[in-house]
Each structure stands twice: as structure tokens, then as C-alpha cells.
Amino acid sequence: MPAERTYFLGTHDEELERLGLQHRVWRPTMLECWQRAGIGLGSKVLDVGAGPGFAAADLA
């Protein structure tokens, strides 16, 4: 297994672009879900499996 594949799906530019696109497509839905779940300013959240961290950055 190549050293670059420490993340299950890889961390090469093409995969990061795919994950970024996926994040942009689902972001409005996820922001609404987090709001409905009561996640907001002052909340503590653990993002398990954060990948490149797109969702973690939104949650921060």
C-alpha cells in the first residue's frame, strides 16, 4: 500500500476535489440538520472520520 494512502480513499488532489465537491453539494442539508439537532455556538462536537476536514471546518 502506498504511503500516501493513510486515508482510506487516498489524499491525492483528485480525491480531495471529489470530497470537496461532495461537501459543497451536501453542505446546505448538513447545516440544516446540525441546526435542527441543536448544534450551534458553544456546542462541543467530535467529528470522527473527518477526512480532509471540510465538515469539521463548518462545525468549528
PDB file of N, CA and C in Angstrom:
ATOM      1  N   MET A   1       0.849  -1.178   0.000  1.00  0.00           N
ATOM      2  CA  MET A   1       0.000   0.000   0.000  1.00  0.00           C
ATOM      3  C   MET A   1       0.890   1.235   0.000  1.00  0.00           C
ATOM      4  N   PRO A   2       0.679   2.161  -0.908  1.00  0.00           N
ATOM      5  CA  PRO A   2       1.492   3.375  -0.954  1.00  0.00           C
ATOM      6  C   PRO A   2       1.353   4.196   0.325  1.00  0.00           C
ATOM      7  N   ALA A   3       2.427   4.879   0.707  1.00  0.00           N
ATOM      8  CA  ALA A   3       2.430   5.686   1.931  1.00  0.00           C
ATOM      9  C   ALA A   3       1.367   6.776   1.885  1.00  0.00           C
ATOM     10  N   GLU A   4       1.018   7.287   0.735  1.00  0.00           N
ATOM     11  CA  GLU A   4       0.050   8.362   0.576  1.00  0.00           C
ATOM     12  C   GLU A   4      -1.351   7.933   0.967  1.00  0.00           C
ATOM     13  N   ARG A   5      -1.606   6.658   1.061  1.00  0.00           N
ATOM     14  CA  ARG A   5      -2.961   6.173   1.325  1.00  0.00           C
ATOM     15  C   ARG A   5      -3.236   5.963   2.810  1.00  0.00           C
ATOM     16  N   THR A   6      -2.806   6.883   3.651  1.00  0.00           N
ATOM     17  CA  THR A   6      -3.137   6.767   5.059  1.00  0.00           C
ATOM     18  C   THR A   6      -4.623   7.010   5.283  1.00  0.00           C
ATOM     19  N   TYR A   7      -5.254   7.788   4.436  1.00  0.00           N
ATOM     20  CA  TYR A   7      -6.709   7.952   4.439  1.00  0.00           C
ATOM     21  C   TYR A   7      -7.256   6.893   3.503  1.00  0.00           C
ATOM     22  N   PHE A   8      -8.313   6.205   3.903  1.00  0.00           N
ATOM     23  CA  PHE A   8      -8.836   5.052   3.175  1.00  0.00           C
ATOM     24  C   PHE A   8      -9.009   5.303   1.683  1.00  0.00           C
ATOM     25  N   LEU A   9      -9.567   6.454   1.316  1.00  0.00           N
ATOM     26  CA  LEU A   9      -9.820   6.733  -0.097  1.00  0.00           C
ATOM     27  C   LEU A   9      -8.685   7.488  -0.769  1.00  0.00           C
ATOM     28  N   GLY A  10      -7.633   7.785  -0.023  1.00  0.00           N
ATOM     29  CA  GLY A  10      -6.492   8.496  -0.591  1.00  0.00           C
ATOM     30  C   GLY A  10      -6.544   9.981  -0.292  1.00  0.00           C
ATOM     31  N   THR A  11      -5.424  10.635  -0.517  1.00  0.00           N
ATOM     32  CA  THR A  11      -5.339  12.075  -0.245  1.00  0.00           C
ATOM     33  C   THR A  11      -4.803  12.827  -1.459  1.00  0.00           C
ATOM     34  N   HIS A  12      -4.783  12.194  -2.603  1.00  0.00           N
ATOM     35  CA  HIS A  12      -4.288  12.852  -3.805  1.00  0.00           C
ATOM     36  C   HIS A  12      -5.272  13.949  -4.244  1.00  0.00           C
ATOM     37  N   ASP A  13      -4.814  14.832  -5.080  1.00  0.00           N
ATOM     38  CA  ASP A  13      -5.593  16.007  -5.485  1.00  0.00           C
ATOM     39  C   ASP A  13      -6.970  15.647  -6.042  1.00  0.00           C
ATOM     40  N   GLU A  14      -7.049  14.611  -6.858  1.00  0.00           N
ATOM     41  CA  GLU A  14      -8.331  14.222  -7.453  1.00  0.00           C
ATOM     42  C   GLU A  14      -9.329  13.805  -6.372  1.00  0.00           C
ATOM     43  N   GLU A  15      -8.871  13.073  -5.382  1.00  0.00           N
ATOM     44  CA  GLU A  15      -9.765  12.640  -4.304  1.00  0.00           C
ATOM     45  C   GLU A  15     -10.188  13.818  -3.440  1.00  0.00           C
ATOM     46  N   LEU A  16      -9.280  14.733  -3.154  1.00  0.00           N
ATOM     47  CA  LEU A  16      -9.634  15.921  -2.367  1.00  0.00           C
ATOM     48  C   LEU A  16     -10.652  16.779  -3.109  1.00  0.00           C
ATOM     49  N   GLU A  17     -10.529  16.876  -4.415  1.00  0.00           N
ATOM     50  CA  GLU A  17     -11.504  17.625  -5.219  1.00  0.00           C
ATOM     51  C   GLU A  17     -12.865  16.937  -5.170  1.00  0.00           C
ATOM     52  N   ARG A  18     -12.880  15.610  -5.262  1.00  0.00           N
ATOM     53  CA  ARG A  18     -14.137  14.852  -5.187  1.00  0.00           C
ATOM     54  C   ARG A  18     -14.808  15.076  -3.834  1.00  0.00           C
ATOM     55  N   LEU A  19     -14.027  14.996  -2.765  1.00  0.00           N
ATOM     56  CA  LEU A  19     -14.589  15.201  -1.431  1.00  0.00           C
ATOM     57  C   LEU A  19     -15.065  16.641  -1.242  1.00  0.00           C
ATOM     58  N   GLY A  20     -14.351  17.602  -1.818  1.00  0.00           N
ATOM     59  CA  GLY A  20     -14.771  18.999  -1.752  1.00  0.00           C
ATOM     60  C   GLY A  20     -16.090  19.214  -2.467  1.00  0.00           C
ATOM     61  N   LEU A  21     -16.245  18.620  -3.645  1.00  0.00           N
ATOM     62  CA  LEU A  21     -17.497  18.715  -4.392  1.00  0.00           C
ATOM     63  C   LEU A  21     -18.633  18.074  -3.606  1.00  0.00           C
ATOM     64  N   GLN A  22     -18.382  16.909  -3.066  1.00  0.00           N
ATOM     65  CA  GLN A  22     -19.389  16.217  -2.261  1.00  0.00           C
ATOM     66  C   GLN A  22     -19.810  17.098  -1.079  1.00  0.00           C
ATOM     67  N   HIS A  23     -18.854  17.725  -0.445  1.00  0.00           N
ATOM     68  CA  HIS A  23     -19.149  18.608   0.686  1.00  0.00           C
ATOM     69  C   HIS A  23     -20.011  19.795   0.247  1.00  0.00           C
ATOM     70  N   ARG A  24     -19.652  20.413  -0.860  1.00  0.00           N
ATOM     71  CA  ARG A  24     -20.412  21.565  -1.346  1.00  0.00           C
ATOM     72  C   ARG A  24     -21.851  21.190  -1.707  1.00  0.00           C
ATOM     73  N   VAL A  25     -22.039  20.011  -2.264  1.00  0.00           N
ATOM     74  CA  VAL A  25     -23.374  19.559  -2.649  1.00  0.00           C
ATOM     75  C   VAL A  25     -24.240  19.318  -1.401  1.00  0.00           C
ATOM     76  N   TRP A  26     -23.671  18.658  -0.387  1.00  0.00           N
ATOM     77  CA  TRP A  26     -24.431  18.282   0.801  1.00  0.00           C
ATOM     78  C   TRP A  26     -24.423  19.340   1.897  1.00  0.00           C
ATOM     79  N   ARG A  27     -23.592  20.384   1.798  1.00  0.00           N
ATOM     80  CA  ARG A  27     -23.415  21.358   2.878  1.00  0.00           C
ATOM     81  C   ARG A  27     -24.721  22.010   3.334  1.00  0.00           C
ATOM     82  N   PRO A  28     -25.571  22.529   2.434  1.00  0.00           N
ATOM     83  CA  PRO A  28     -26.810  23.148   2.914  1.00  0.00           C
ATOM     84  C   PRO A  28     -27.679  22.186   3.730  1.00  0.00           C
ATOM     85  N   THR A  29     -27.774  20.956   3.302  1.00  0.00           N
ATOM     86  CA  THR A  29     -28.569  19.955   4.014  1.00  0.00           C
ATOM     87  C   THR A  29     -27.962  19.662   5.380  1.00  0.00           C
ATOM     88  N   MET A  30     -26.639  19.508   5.415  1.00  0.00           N
ATOM     89  CA  MET A  30     -25.980  19.202   6.687  1.00  0.00           C
ATOM     90  C   MET A  30     -26.065  20.376   7.658  1.00  0.00           C
ATOM     91  N   LEU A  31     -25.923  21.606   7.178  1.00  0.00           N
ATOM     92  CA  LEU A  31     -26.045  22.766   8.061  1.00  0.00           C
ATOM     93  C   LEU A  31     -27.436  22.807   8.693  1.00  0.00           C
ATOM     94  N   GLU A  32     -28.450  22.510   7.904  1.00  0.00           N
ATOM     95  CA  GLU A  32     -29.816  22.466   8.429  1.00  0.00           C
ATOM     96  C   GLU A  32     -29.978  21.353   9.460  1.00  0.00           C
ATOM     97  N   CYS A  33     -29.415  20.191   9.177  1.00  0.00           N
ATOM     98  CA  CYS A  33     -29.502  19.062  10.116  1.00  0.00           C
ATOM     99  C   CYS A  33     -28.820  19.401  11.441  1.00  0.00           C
ATOM    100  N   TRP A  34     -27.639  20.011  11.359  1.00  0.00           N
ATOM    101  CA  TRP A  34     -26.930  20.371  12.596  1.00  0.00           C
ATOM    102  C   TRP A  34     -27.728  21.394  13.384  1.00  0.00           C
ATOM    103  N   GLN A  35     -28.342  22.353  12.696  1.00  0.00           N
ATOM    104  CA  GLN A  35     -29.146  23.359  13.370  1.00  0.00           C
ATOM    105  C   GLN A  35     -30.348  22.707  14.049  1.00  0.00           C
ATOM    106  N   ARG A  36     -31.026  21.823  13.348  1.00  0.00           N
ATOM    107  CA  ARG A  36     -32.191  21.125  13.915  1.00  0.00           C
ATOM    108  C   ARG A  36     -31.801  20.243  15.087  1.00  0.00           C
ATOM    109  N   ALA A  37     -30.557  19.745  15.089  1.00  0.00           N
ATOM    110  CA  ALA A  37     -30.066  18.915  16.194  1.00  0.00           C
ATOM    111  C   ALA A  37     -29.614  19.760  17.380  1.00  0.00           C
ATOM    112  N   GLY A  38     -29.640  21.082  17.211  1.00  0.00           N
ATOM    113  CA  GLY A  38     -29.243  21.965  18.307  1.00  0.00           C
ATOM    114  C   GLY A  38     -27.756  22.238  18.373  1.00  0.00           C
ATOM    115  N   ILE A  39     -27.029  21.888  17.326  1.00  0.00           N
ATOM    116  CA  ILE A  39     -25.590  22.145  17.287  1.00  0.00           C
ATOM    117  C   ILE A  39     -25.386  23.583  16.853  1.00  0.00           C
ATOM    118  N   GLY A  40     -24.732  24.359  17.703  1.00  0.00           N
ATOM    119  CA  GLY A  40     -24.506  25.767  17.399  1.00  0.00           C
ATOM    120  C   GLY A  40     -23.381  26.319  18.253  1.00  0.00           C
ATOM    121  N   LEU A  41     -23.318  27.622  18.344  1.00  0.00           N
ATOM    122  CA  LEU A  41     -22.283  28.301  19.097  1.00  0.00           C
ATOM    123  C   LEU A  41     -22.224  27.741  20.518  1.00  0.00           C
ATOM    124  N   GLY A  42     -21.036  27.319  20.922  1.00  0.00           N
ATOM    125  CA  GLY A  42     -20.829  26.763  22.254  1.00  0.00           C
ATOM    126  C   GLY A  42     -20.979  25.252  22.330  1.00  0.00           C
ATOM    127  N   SER A  43     -21.449  24.622  21.264  1.00  0.00           N
ATOM    128  CA  SER A  43     -21.586  23.163  21.252  1.00  0.00           C
ATOM    129  C   SER A  43     -20.218  22.505  21.162  1.00  0.00           C
ATOM    130  N   LYS A  44     -20.138  21.316  21.695  1.00  0.00           N
ATOM    131  CA  LYS A  44     -18.925  20.507  21.565  1.00  0.00           C
ATOM    132  C   LYS A  44     -19.258  19.325  20.676  1.00  0.00           C
ATOM    133  N   VAL A  45     -18.457  19.146  19.629  1.00  0.00           N
ATOM    134  CA  VAL A  45     -18.732  18.118  18.631  1.00  0.00           C
ATOM    135  C   VAL A  45     -17.447  17.374  18.327  1.00  0.00           C
ATOM    136  N   LEU A  46     -17.539  16.061  18.177  1.00  0.00           N
ATOM    137  CA  LEU A  46     -16.417  15.232  17.760  1.00  0.00           C
ATOM    138  C   LEU A  46     -16.722  14.729  16.349  1.00  0.00           C
ATOM    139  N   ASP A  47     -15.889  15.103  15.393  1.00  0.00           N
ATOM    140  CA  ASP A  47     -16.063  14.653  14.008  1.00  0.00           C
ATOM    141  C   ASP A  47     -15.168  13.440  13.797  1.00  0.00           C
ATOM    142  N   VAL A  48     -15.737  12.256  13.909  1.00  0.00           N
ATOM    143  CA  VAL A  48     -14.991  11.017  13.726  1.00  0.00           C
ATOM    144  C   VAL A  48     -14.945  10.709  12.231  1.00  0.00           C
ATOM    145  N   GLY A  49     -13.767  10.450  11.704  1.00  0.00           N
ATOM    146  CA  GLY A  49     -13.637  10.184  10.279  1.00  0.00           C
ATOM    147  C   GLY A  49     -13.691  11.470   9.486  1.00  0.00           C
ATOM    148  N   ALA A  50     -13.011  12.507   9.970  1.00  0.00           N
ATOM    149  CA  ALA A  50     -13.106  13.835   9.400  1.00  0.00           C
ATOM    150  C   ALA A  50     -12.544  13.958   7.990  1.00  0.00           C
ATOM    151  N   GLY A  51     -11.813  12.961   7.512  1.00  0.00           N
ATOM    152  CA  GLY A  51     -11.235  13.074   6.172  1.00  0.00           C
ATOM    153  C   GLY A  51     -10.405  14.345   6.068  1.00  0.00           C
ATOM    154  N   PRO A  52     -10.592  15.125   5.005  1.00  0.00           N
ATOM    155  CA  PRO A  52      -9.807  16.346   4.866  1.00  0.00           C
ATOM    156  C   PRO A  52     -10.309  17.491   5.750  1.00  0.00           C
ATOM    157  N   GLY A  53     -11.417  17.302   6.457  1.00  0.00           N
ATOM    158  CA  GLY A  53     -11.870  18.282   7.433  1.00  0.00           C
ATOM    159  C   GLY A  53     -12.848  19.323   6.964  1.00  0.00           C
ATOM    160  N   PHE A  54     -13.490  19.129   5.831  1.00  0.00           N
ATOM    161  CA  PHE A  54     -14.451  20.125   5.336  1.00  0.00           C
ATOM    162  C   PHE A  54     -15.591  20.321   6.332  1.00  0.00           C
ATOM    163  N   ALA A  55     -16.203  19.239   6.798  1.00  0.00           N
ATOM    164  CA  ALA A  55     -17.303  19.345   7.753  1.00  0.00           C
ATOM    165  C   ALA A  55     -16.802  19.860   9.093  1.00  0.00           C
ATOM    166  N   ALA A  56     -15.636  19.427   9.516  1.00  0.00           N
ATOM    167  CA  ALA A  56     -15.080  19.902  10.783  1.00  0.00           C
ATOM    168  C   ALA A  56     -14.882  21.414  10.756  1.00  0.00           C
ATOM    169  N   ALA A  57     -14.480  21.945   9.622  1.00  0.00           N
ATOM    170  CA  ALA A  57     -14.310  23.395   9.497  1.00  0.00           C
ATOM    171  C   ALA A  57     -15.660  24.107   9.626  1.00  0.00           C
ATOM    172  N   ASP A  58     -16.729  23.539   9.041  1.00  0.00           N
ATOM    173  CA  ASP A  58     -18.059  24.115   9.202  1.00  0.00           C
ATOM    174  C   ASP A  58     -18.496  24.070  10.660  1.00  0.00           C
ATOM    175  N   LEU A  59     -18.227  22.965  11.317  1.00  0.00           N
ATOM    176  CA  LEU A  59     -18.636  22.817  12.714  1.00  0.00           C
ATOM    177  C   LEU A  59     -17.853  23.735  13.640  1.00  0.00           C
ATOM    178  N   ALA A  60     -16.643  24.065  13.257  1.00  0.00           N
ATOM    179  CA  ALA A  60     -15.828  24.963  14.097  1.00  0.00           C
ATOM    180  C   ALA A  60     -16.436  26.338  14.115  1.00  0.00           C
TER     181      ALA A  60
END
